[in-house]
């Protein structure tokens, strides 16, 4: 589904991503790990069009999408969450998801109230059910717990009906209980999606990913199934040093 071909992003003399090639198969959960500054989040930003490429190609469903604007890439079927929670804090939980769903199903009309779009409400409520927030539908997003806000962001991404979901540090700042709940959520949605997950918590990524790519100084250090990555001497050395 996704192929990165010799991907590079340089910020002046800093090679944040330096010639990375990898593939993500349809229905796969691929983990992307590495020490701080290894290029993980930059990779997601390149895939989603937030940064222009220095070099390389991003092939999604056979089409080179490098250079497209983020909204066009989203419309192609790629959604993401962010390291820092990105929601509408003064809107309700339902409204946050409804707006995302509306971006796919309707144009904007100043003459119709959003409640007239019953299919949008149904879609938003189904998404909230999927992420465990239906009972918080009328709550302001600002009033949700940190873990609930992070899962709402996943719900916002799901409402755009993606084929590929990029999760950037989905359990960052969570308690152990919240992390467990989010892992369960990712397992559920992975049944119907292809997922690229960037994660600092090794336990989380080892449990969720079918295959893991390790970045170090913007390059691929290792790639393989979780058990193989855990036993890789070069990976152990990199993580022991940080």
C-alpha atoms as a PDB file:
ATOM      1  CA  UNK A   1       0.000   0.000   0.000  1.00  0.00           C
ATOM      2  CA  UNK A   2       2.792   2.439   0.923  1.00  0.00           C
ATOM      3  CA  UNK A   3       6.296   2.491  -0.532  1.00  0.00           C
ATOM      4  CA  UNK A   4       8.977   4.966   0.487  1.00  0.00           C
ATOM      5  CA  UNK A   5      11.745   5.076  -2.091  1.00  0.00           C
ATOM      6  CA  UNK A   6      15.061   6.624  -1.037  1.00  0.00           C
ATOM      7  CA  UNK A   7      13.258   9.244   1.048  1.00  0.00           C
ATOM      8  CA  UNK A   8      15.343  12.188   2.247  1.00  0.00           C
ATOM      9  CA  UNK A   9      14.737  15.394   4.170  1.00  0.00           C
ATOM     10  CA  UNK A  10      17.589  17.784   4.952  1.00  0.00           C
ATOM     11  CA  UNK A  11      17.269  20.873   7.123  1.00  0.00           C
ATOM     12  CA  UNK A  12      20.356  22.813   6.115  1.00  0.00           C
ATOM     13  CA  UNK A  13      23.231  20.553   7.034  1.00  0.00           C
ATOM     14  CA  UNK A  14      21.065  18.253   9.176  1.00  0.00           C
ATOM     15  CA  UNK A  15      20.019  15.033   7.424  1.00  0.00           C
ATOM     16  CA  UNK A  16      16.850  14.299   9.391  1.00  0.00           C
ATOM     17  CA  UNK A  17      15.888  11.523   6.979  1.00  0.00           C
ATOM     18  CA  UNK A  18      18.638  10.219   4.742  1.00  0.00           C
ATOM     19  CA  UNK A  19      17.782   7.731   2.007  1.00  0.00           C
ATOM     20  CA  UNK A  20      15.083   5.653   3.722  1.00  0.00           C
ATOM     21  CA  UNK A  21      13.289   2.961   1.746  1.00  0.00           C
ATOM     22  CA  UNK A  22      10.538   0.810   3.232  1.00  0.00           C
ATOM     23  CA  UNK A  23       7.195  -0.779   2.383  1.00  0.00           C
ATOM     24  CA  UNK A  24       3.950  -1.101   4.322  1.00  0.00           C
ATOM     25  CA  UNK A  25       1.650  -3.855   3.093  1.00  0.00           C
ATOM     26  CA  UNK A  26      -2.139  -3.585   3.074  1.00  0.00           C
ATOM     27  CA  UNK A  27      -3.535  -4.661   6.446  1.00  0.00           C
ATOM     28  CA  UNK A  28      -0.127  -4.503   8.142  1.00  0.00           C
ATOM     29  CA  UNK A  29       0.803  -2.775  11.381  1.00  0.00           C
ATOM     30  CA  UNK A  30       4.342  -1.440  10.944  1.00  0.00           C
ATOM     31  CA  UNK A  31       6.164   0.008  13.932  1.00  0.00           C
ATOM     32  CA  UNK A  32       8.675   2.821  13.475  1.00  0.00           C
ATOM     33  CA  UNK A  33      11.069   3.239  16.397  1.00  0.00           C
ATOM     34  CA  UNK A  34      14.370   4.892  17.178  1.00  0.00           C
ATOM     35  CA  UNK A  35      16.042   7.233  19.668  1.00  0.00           C
ATOM     36  CA  UNK A  36      14.981  10.873  19.929  1.00  0.00           C
ATOM     37  CA  UNK A  37      16.063  12.746  16.818  1.00  0.00           C
ATOM     38  CA  UNK A  38      16.243   9.621  14.661  1.00  0.00           C
ATOM     39  CA  UNK A  39      13.766  10.990  12.102  1.00  0.00           C
ATOM     40  CA  UNK A  40      10.564   9.148  13.028  1.00  0.00           C
ATOM     41  CA  UNK A  41       8.157  12.084  13.178  1.00  0.00           C
ATOM     42  CA  UNK A  42       9.839  13.717  10.197  1.00  0.00           C
ATOM     43  CA  UNK A  43       9.052  10.568   8.223  1.00  0.00           C
ATOM     44  CA  UNK A  44       5.358  10.845   9.097  1.00  0.00           C
ATOM     45  CA  UNK A  45       5.373  14.528   8.159  1.00  0.00           C
ATOM     46  CA  UNK A  46       6.890  13.667   4.783  1.00  0.00           C
ATOM     47  CA  UNK A  47       4.325  10.947   4.116  1.00  0.00           C
ATOM     48  CA  UNK A  48       1.451  13.300   4.997  1.00  0.00           C
ATOM     49  CA  UNK A  49       2.798  16.238   3.010  1.00  0.00           C
ATOM     50  CA  UNK A  50       3.633  18.599   5.879  1.00  0.00           C
ATOM     51  CA  UNK A  51       7.260  18.873   4.735  1.00  0.00           C
ATOM     52  CA  UNK A  52       8.515  18.979   1.129  1.00  0.00           C
ATOM     53  CA  UNK A  53      10.927  16.179   0.245  1.00  0.00           C
ATOM     54  CA  UNK A  54      14.596  16.800  -0.375  1.00  0.00           C
ATOM     55  CA  UNK A  55      14.669  13.626  -2.457  1.00  0.00           C
ATOM     56  CA  UNK A  56      12.833  10.367  -3.003  1.00  0.00           C
ATOM     57  CA  UNK A  57       9.288   9.203  -3.685  1.00  0.00           C
ATOM     58  CA  UNK A  58       6.203   8.407  -1.611  1.00  0.00           C
ATOM     59  CA  UNK A  59       4.113   5.822  -3.465  1.00  0.00           C
ATOM     60  CA  UNK A  60       0.595   5.219  -2.131  1.00  0.00           C
ATOM     61  CA  UNK A  61      -1.585   2.650  -3.889  1.00  0.00           C
ATOM     62  CA  UNK A  62       0.714   2.864  -6.887  1.00  0.00           C
ATOM     63  CA  UNK A  63       0.655   6.679  -7.161  1.00  0.00           C
ATOM     64  CA  UNK A  64       3.508   9.031  -6.332  1.00  0.00           C
ATOM     65  CA  UNK A  65       1.937  11.503  -3.879  1.00  0.00           C
ATOM     66  CA  UNK A  66       5.128  13.404  -3.041  1.00  0.00           C
ATOM     67  CA  UNK A  67       4.546  17.119  -3.460  1.00  0.00           C
ATOM     68  CA  UNK A  68       0.781  16.997  -2.948  1.00  0.00           C
ATOM     69  CA  UNK A  69      -0.726  19.289  -0.323  1.00  0.00           C
ATOM     70  CA  UNK A  70      -1.732  17.655   2.989  1.00  0.00           C
ATOM     71  CA  UNK A  71      -5.470  17.952   2.251  1.00  0.00           C
ATOM     72  CA  UNK A  72      -5.030  16.162  -1.085  1.00  0.00           C
ATOM     73  CA  UNK A  73      -3.026  13.405   0.591  1.00  0.00           C
ATOM     74  CA  UNK A  74      -5.773  13.079   3.190  1.00  0.00           C
ATOM     75  CA  UNK A  75      -8.345  12.753   0.429  1.00  0.00           C
ATOM     76  CA  UNK A  76      -6.256   9.974  -1.114  1.00  0.00           C
ATOM     77  CA  UNK A  77      -6.823   7.959   2.079  1.00  0.00           C
ATOM     78  CA  UNK A  78      -4.031   8.764   4.560  1.00  0.00           C
ATOM     79  CA  UNK A  79      -4.869  10.071   8.035  1.00  0.00           C
ATOM     80  CA  UNK A  80      -2.698  10.760  11.048  1.00  0.00           C
ATOM     81  CA  UNK A  81      -2.538  11.652  14.709  1.00  0.00           C
ATOM     82  CA  UNK A  82       0.064  14.031  16.149  1.00  0.00           C
ATOM     83  CA  UNK A  83       2.629  13.886  18.943  1.00  0.00           C
ATOM     84  CA  UNK A  84       0.933  16.910  20.508  1.00  0.00           C
ATOM     85  CA  UNK A  85      -2.826  16.492  20.757  1.00  0.00           C
ATOM     86  CA  UNK A  86      -4.527  18.335  17.900  1.00  0.00           C
ATOM     87  CA  UNK A  87      -8.259  18.764  18.574  1.00  0.00           C
ATOM     88  CA  UNK A  88     -10.857  21.560  18.758  1.00  0.00           C
ATOM     89  CA  UNK A  89     -10.912  22.097  22.547  1.00  0.00           C
ATOM     90  CA  UNK A  90     -13.967  24.378  22.608  1.00  0.00           C
ATOM     91  CA  UNK A  91     -16.105  22.062  20.474  1.00  0.00           C
ATOM     92  CA  UNK A  92     -17.855  18.968  21.770  1.00  0.00           C
ATOM     93  CA  UNK A  93     -16.412  15.522  21.264  1.00  0.00           C
ATOM     94  CA  UNK A  94     -19.133  14.815  18.708  1.00  0.00           C
ATOM     95  CA  UNK A  95     -18.490  18.045  16.817  1.00  0.00           C
ATOM     96  CA  UNK A  96     -14.782  17.277  16.537  1.00  0.00           C
ATOM     97  CA  UNK A  97     -15.542  14.006  14.780  1.00  0.00           C
ATOM     98  CA  UNK A  98     -18.500  15.372  12.815  1.00  0.00           C
ATOM     99  CA  UNK A  99     -16.351  18.071  11.197  1.00  0.00           C
ATOM    100  CA  UNK A 100     -13.863  15.422  10.066  1.00  0.00           C
ATOM    101  CA  UNK A 101     -16.641  13.265   8.645  1.00  0.00           C
ATOM    102  CA  UNK A 102     -18.129  16.275   6.846  1.00  0.00           C
ATOM    103  CA  UNK A 103     -14.839  16.841   5.042  1.00  0.00           C
ATOM    104  CA  UNK A 104     -15.477  13.580   3.200  1.00  0.00           C
ATOM    105  CA  UNK A 105     -19.236  13.529   2.667  1.00  0.00           C
ATOM    106  CA  UNK A 106     -20.521  17.055   2.023  1.00  0.00           C
ATOM    107  CA  UNK A 107     -19.533  20.483   0.877  1.00  0.00           C
ATOM    108  CA  UNK A 108     -20.107  23.354   3.267  1.00  0.00           C
ATOM    109  CA  UNK A 109     -23.442  25.197   3.095  1.00  0.00           C
ATOM    110  CA  UNK A 110     -24.269  28.359   5.049  1.00  0.00           C
ATOM    111  CA  UNK A 111     -27.975  27.644   4.609  1.00  0.00           C
ATOM    112  CA  UNK A 112     -28.097  24.281   6.376  1.00  0.00           C
ATOM    113  CA  UNK A 113     -27.481  23.458  10.013  1.00  0.00           C
ATOM    114  CA  UNK A 114     -25.079  20.604  10.607  1.00  0.00           C
ATOM    115  CA  UNK A 115     -27.829  18.706  12.431  1.00  0.00           C
ATOM    116  CA  UNK A 116     -29.611  18.431   9.080  1.00  0.00           C
ATOM    117  CA  UNK A 117     -26.900  16.061   7.937  1.00  0.00           C
ATOM    118  CA  UNK A 118     -28.185  12.977   9.738  1.00  0.00           C
ATOM    119  CA  UNK A 119     -25.678  10.691   8.039  1.00  0.00           C
ATOM    120  CA  UNK A 120     -22.844  12.774   9.513  1.00  0.00           C
ATOM    121  CA  UNK A 121     -24.224  12.437  13.017  1.00  0.00           C
ATOM    122  CA  UNK A 122     -24.631   8.692  12.543  1.00  0.00           C
ATOM    123  CA  UNK A 123     -21.060   8.424  11.243  1.00  0.00           C
ATOM    124  CA  UNK A 124     -19.665  10.532  14.093  1.00  0.00           C
ATOM    125  CA  UNK A 125     -21.519   8.510  16.721  1.00  0.00           C
ATOM    126  CA  UNK A 126     -20.270   5.246  15.177  1.00  0.00           C
ATOM    127  CA  UNK A 127     -16.700   6.528  15.338  1.00  0.00           C
ATOM    128  CA  UNK A 128     -17.117   7.632  18.955  1.00  0.00           C
ATOM    129  CA  UNK A 129     -18.480   4.179  19.756  1.00  0.00           C
ATOM    130  CA  UNK A 130     -15.413   2.630  18.136  1.00  0.00           C
ATOM    131  CA  UNK A 131     -12.982   4.716  20.198  1.00  0.00           C
ATOM    132  CA  UNK A 132     -14.954   4.362  23.439  1.00  0.00           C
ATOM    133  CA  UNK A 133     -16.132   7.970  23.702  1.00  0.00           C
ATOM    134  CA  UNK A 134     -19.815   7.812  22.779  1.00  0.00           C
ATOM    135  CA  UNK A 135     -20.814   8.591  26.371  1.00  0.00           C
ATOM    136  CA  UNK A 136     -18.704  11.787  26.086  1.00  0.00           C
ATOM    137  CA  UNK A 137     -20.363  12.976  22.856  1.00  0.00           C
ATOM    138  CA  UNK A 138     -21.734  16.192  24.359  1.00  0.00           C
ATOM    139  CA  UNK A 139     -18.685  16.934  26.527  1.00  0.00           C
ATOM    140  CA  UNK A 140     -16.348  19.736  25.497  1.00  0.00           C
ATOM    141  CA  UNK A 141     -13.154  18.199  24.184  1.00  0.00           C
ATOM    142  CA  UNK A 142     -11.161  20.434  26.551  1.00  0.00           C
ATOM    143  CA  UNK A 143     -12.776  18.662  29.502  1.00  0.00           C
ATOM    144  CA  UNK A 144     -11.715  15.166  28.459  1.00  0.00           C
ATOM    145  CA  UNK A 145      -8.806  13.446  30.172  1.00  0.00           C
ATOM    146  CA  UNK A 146      -5.477  13.365  28.361  1.00  0.00           C
ATOM    147  CA  UNK A 147      -5.995   9.755  27.297  1.00  0.00           C
ATOM    148  CA  UNK A 148      -9.504  10.490  26.064  1.00  0.00           C
ATOM    149  CA  UNK A 149      -8.240  13.465  24.051  1.00  0.00           C
ATOM    150  CA  UNK A 150      -5.592  11.296  22.425  1.00  0.00           C
ATOM    151  CA  UNK A 151      -8.218   8.700  21.506  1.00  0.00           C
ATOM    152  CA  UNK A 152     -10.521  11.449  20.231  1.00  0.00           C
ATOM    153  CA  UNK A 153      -7.741  12.451  17.857  1.00  0.00           C
ATOM    154  CA  UNK A 154      -7.651   8.879  16.567  1.00  0.00           C
ATOM    155  CA  UNK A 155     -11.433   9.126  16.153  1.00  0.00           C
ATOM    156  CA  UNK A 156     -11.057  12.344  14.138  1.00  0.00           C
ATOM    157  CA  UNK A 157      -8.614  10.531  11.856  1.00  0.00           C
ATOM    158  CA  UNK A 158     -10.950   7.539  11.501  1.00  0.00           C
ATOM    159  CA  UNK A 159     -13.845   9.820  10.543  1.00  0.00           C
ATOM    160  CA  UNK A 160     -11.991  10.725   7.331  1.00  0.00           C
ATOM    161  CA  UNK A 161     -12.307   7.048   6.324  1.00  0.00           C
ATOM    162  CA  UNK A 162      -8.595   6.394   5.702  1.00  0.00           C
ATOM    163  CA  UNK A 163      -6.926   3.333   4.261  1.00  0.00           C
ATOM    164  CA  UNK A 164      -3.630   4.126   6.016  1.00  0.00           C
ATOM    165  CA  UNK A 165      -3.519   5.546   9.544  1.00  0.00           C
ATOM    166  CA  UNK A 166      -0.266   7.067  10.819  1.00  0.00           C
ATOM    167  CA  UNK A 167      -0.127   7.229  14.618  1.00  0.00           C
ATOM    168  CA  UNK A 168       2.613   9.481  15.996  1.00  0.00           C
ATOM    169  CA  UNK A 169       3.322   8.583  19.636  1.00  0.00           C
ATOM    170  CA  UNK A 170      -0.316   7.643  20.404  1.00  0.00           C
ATOM    171  CA  UNK A 171       0.376   6.758  24.059  1.00  0.00           C
ATOM    172  CA  UNK A 172       2.607   9.757  24.887  1.00  0.00           C
ATOM    173  CA  UNK A 173       1.910  11.083  28.383  1.00  0.00           C
ATOM    174  CA  UNK A 174      -0.620   8.384  29.215  1.00  0.00           C
ATOM    175  CA  UNK A 175      -1.025   6.506  32.454  1.00  0.00           C
ATOM    176  CA  UNK A 176      -0.570   2.735  32.440  1.00  0.00           C
ATOM    177  CA  UNK A 177      -4.351   2.235  32.350  1.00  0.00           C
ATOM    178  CA  UNK A 178      -4.796   4.722  29.499  1.00  0.00           C
ATOM    179  CA  UNK A 179      -1.953   3.093  27.565  1.00  0.00           C
ATOM    180  CA  UNK A 180      -3.617  -0.307  27.950  1.00  0.00           C
ATOM    181  CA  UNK A 181      -6.944   1.063  26.683  1.00  0.00           C
ATOM    182  CA  UNK A 182      -5.301   2.726  23.685  1.00  0.00           C
ATOM    183  CA  UNK A 183      -3.467  -0.484  22.808  1.00  0.00           C
ATOM    184  CA  UNK A 184      -6.800  -2.288  22.821  1.00  0.00           C
ATOM    185  CA  UNK A 185      -8.234   0.434  20.590  1.00  0.00           C
ATOM    186  CA  UNK A 186      -5.382   0.131  18.085  1.00  0.00           C
ATOM    187  CA  UNK A 187      -5.827  -3.642  17.990  1.00  0.00           C
ATOM    188  CA  UNK A 188      -9.529  -3.214  17.192  1.00  0.00           C
ATOM    189  CA  UNK A 189      -9.084  -0.692  14.399  1.00  0.00           C
ATOM    190  CA  UNK A 190      -6.132  -2.609  12.928  1.00  0.00           C
ATOM    191  CA  UNK A 191      -8.594  -5.275  11.802  1.00  0.00           C
ATOM    192  CA  UNK A 192      -9.822  -2.915   9.070  1.00  0.00           C
ATOM    193  CA  UNK A 193      -6.855  -0.597   8.479  1.00  0.00           C
ATOM    194  CA  UNK A 194      -3.207  -0.414   7.565  1.00  0.00           C
ATOM    195  CA  UNK A 195      -1.324   1.299  10.389  1.00  0.00           C
ATOM    196  CA  UNK A 196       2.089   2.945  10.679  1.00  0.00           C
ATOM    197  CA  UNK A 197       2.802   3.548  14.355  1.00  0.00           C
ATOM    198  CA  UNK A 198       5.610   5.716  15.713  1.00  0.00           C
ATOM    199  CA  UNK A 199       6.042   4.910  19.384  1.00  0.00           C
ATOM    200  CA  UNK A 200       8.586   5.583  22.127  1.00  0.00           C
ATOM    201  CA  UNK A 201       7.203   2.868  24.427  1.00  0.00           C
ATOM    202  CA  UNK A 202       8.952  -0.329  23.372  1.00  0.00           C
ATOM    203  CA  UNK A 203       6.389  -2.546  25.097  1.00  0.00           C
ATOM    204  CA  UNK A 204       3.564  -0.910  23.137  1.00  0.00           C
ATOM    205  CA  UNK A 205       5.208  -1.234  19.738  1.00  0.00           C
ATOM    206  CA  UNK A 206       6.407  -4.789  20.376  1.00  0.00           C
ATOM    207  CA  UNK A 207       2.847  -5.802  21.285  1.00  0.00           C
ATOM    208  CA  UNK A 208       1.095  -4.042  18.404  1.00  0.00           C
ATOM    209  CA  UNK A 209       3.413  -4.197  15.390  1.00  0.00           C
ATOM    210  CA  UNK A 210       3.794  -7.176  13.092  1.00  0.00           C
ATOM    211  CA  UNK A 211       7.034  -5.735  11.739  1.00  0.00           C
ATOM    212  CA  UNK A 212       9.349  -2.995  13.021  1.00  0.00           C
ATOM    213  CA  UNK A 213      11.693  -0.573  11.293  1.00  0.00           C
ATOM    214  CA  UNK A 214      14.393   1.029  13.455  1.00  0.00           C
ATOM    215  CA  UNK A 215      15.730   4.461  12.497  1.00  0.00           C
ATOM    216  CA  UNK A 216      19.030   5.925  13.695  1.00  0.00           C
ATOM    217  CA  UNK A 217      20.332   9.314  12.546  1.00  0.00           C
ATOM    218  CA  UNK A 218      17.794   9.325   9.713  1.00  0.00           C
ATOM    219  CA  UNK A 219      18.775   5.942   8.309  1.00  0.00           C
ATOM    220  CA  UNK A 220      17.323   2.436   8.633  1.00  0.00           C
ATOM    221  CA  UNK A 221      19.318   0.574  11.261  1.00  0.00           C
ATOM    222  CA  UNK A 222      17.304  -2.639  11.292  1.00  0.00           C
ATOM    223  CA  UNK A 223      14.009  -4.119  10.154  1.00  0.00           C
ATOM    224  CA  UNK A 224      12.146  -7.289  11.040  1.00  0.00           C
ATOM    225  CA  UNK A 225       9.574  -8.948  13.311  1.00  0.00           C
ATOM    226  CA  UNK A 226       9.455  -7.789  16.960  1.00  0.00           C
ATOM    227  CA  UNK A 227      11.275 -10.821  18.386  1.00  0.00           C
ATOM    228  CA  UNK A 228      14.138 -10.361  15.924  1.00  0.00           C
ATOM    229  CA  UNK A 229      14.403  -6.629  16.633  1.00  0.00           C
ATOM    230  CA  UNK A 230      14.501  -7.242  20.389  1.00  0.00           C
ATOM    231  CA  UNK A 231      17.491  -9.558  19.956  1.00  0.00           C
ATOM    232  CA  UNK A 232      19.343  -7.378  17.428  1.00  0.00           C
ATOM    233  CA  UNK A 233      22.728  -6.352  18.951  1.00  0.00           C
ATOM    234  CA  UNK A 234      22.890  -3.066  17.011  1.00  0.00           C
ATOM    235  CA  UNK A 235      19.398  -2.075  18.199  1.00  0.00           C
ATOM    236  CA  UNK A 236      20.260  -2.975  21.780  1.00  0.00           C
ATOM    237  CA  UNK A 237      23.423  -0.873  21.574  1.00  0.00           C
ATOM    238  CA  UNK A 238      21.565   2.180  20.242  1.00  0.00           C
ATOM    239  CA  UNK A 239      18.923   2.040  22.935  1.00  0.00           C
ATOM    240  CA  UNK A 240      21.372   1.328  25.742  1.00  0.00           C
ATOM    241  CA  UNK A 241      23.336   4.449  24.764  1.00  0.00           C
ATOM    242  CA  UNK A 242      20.282   6.747  24.934  1.00  0.00           C
END
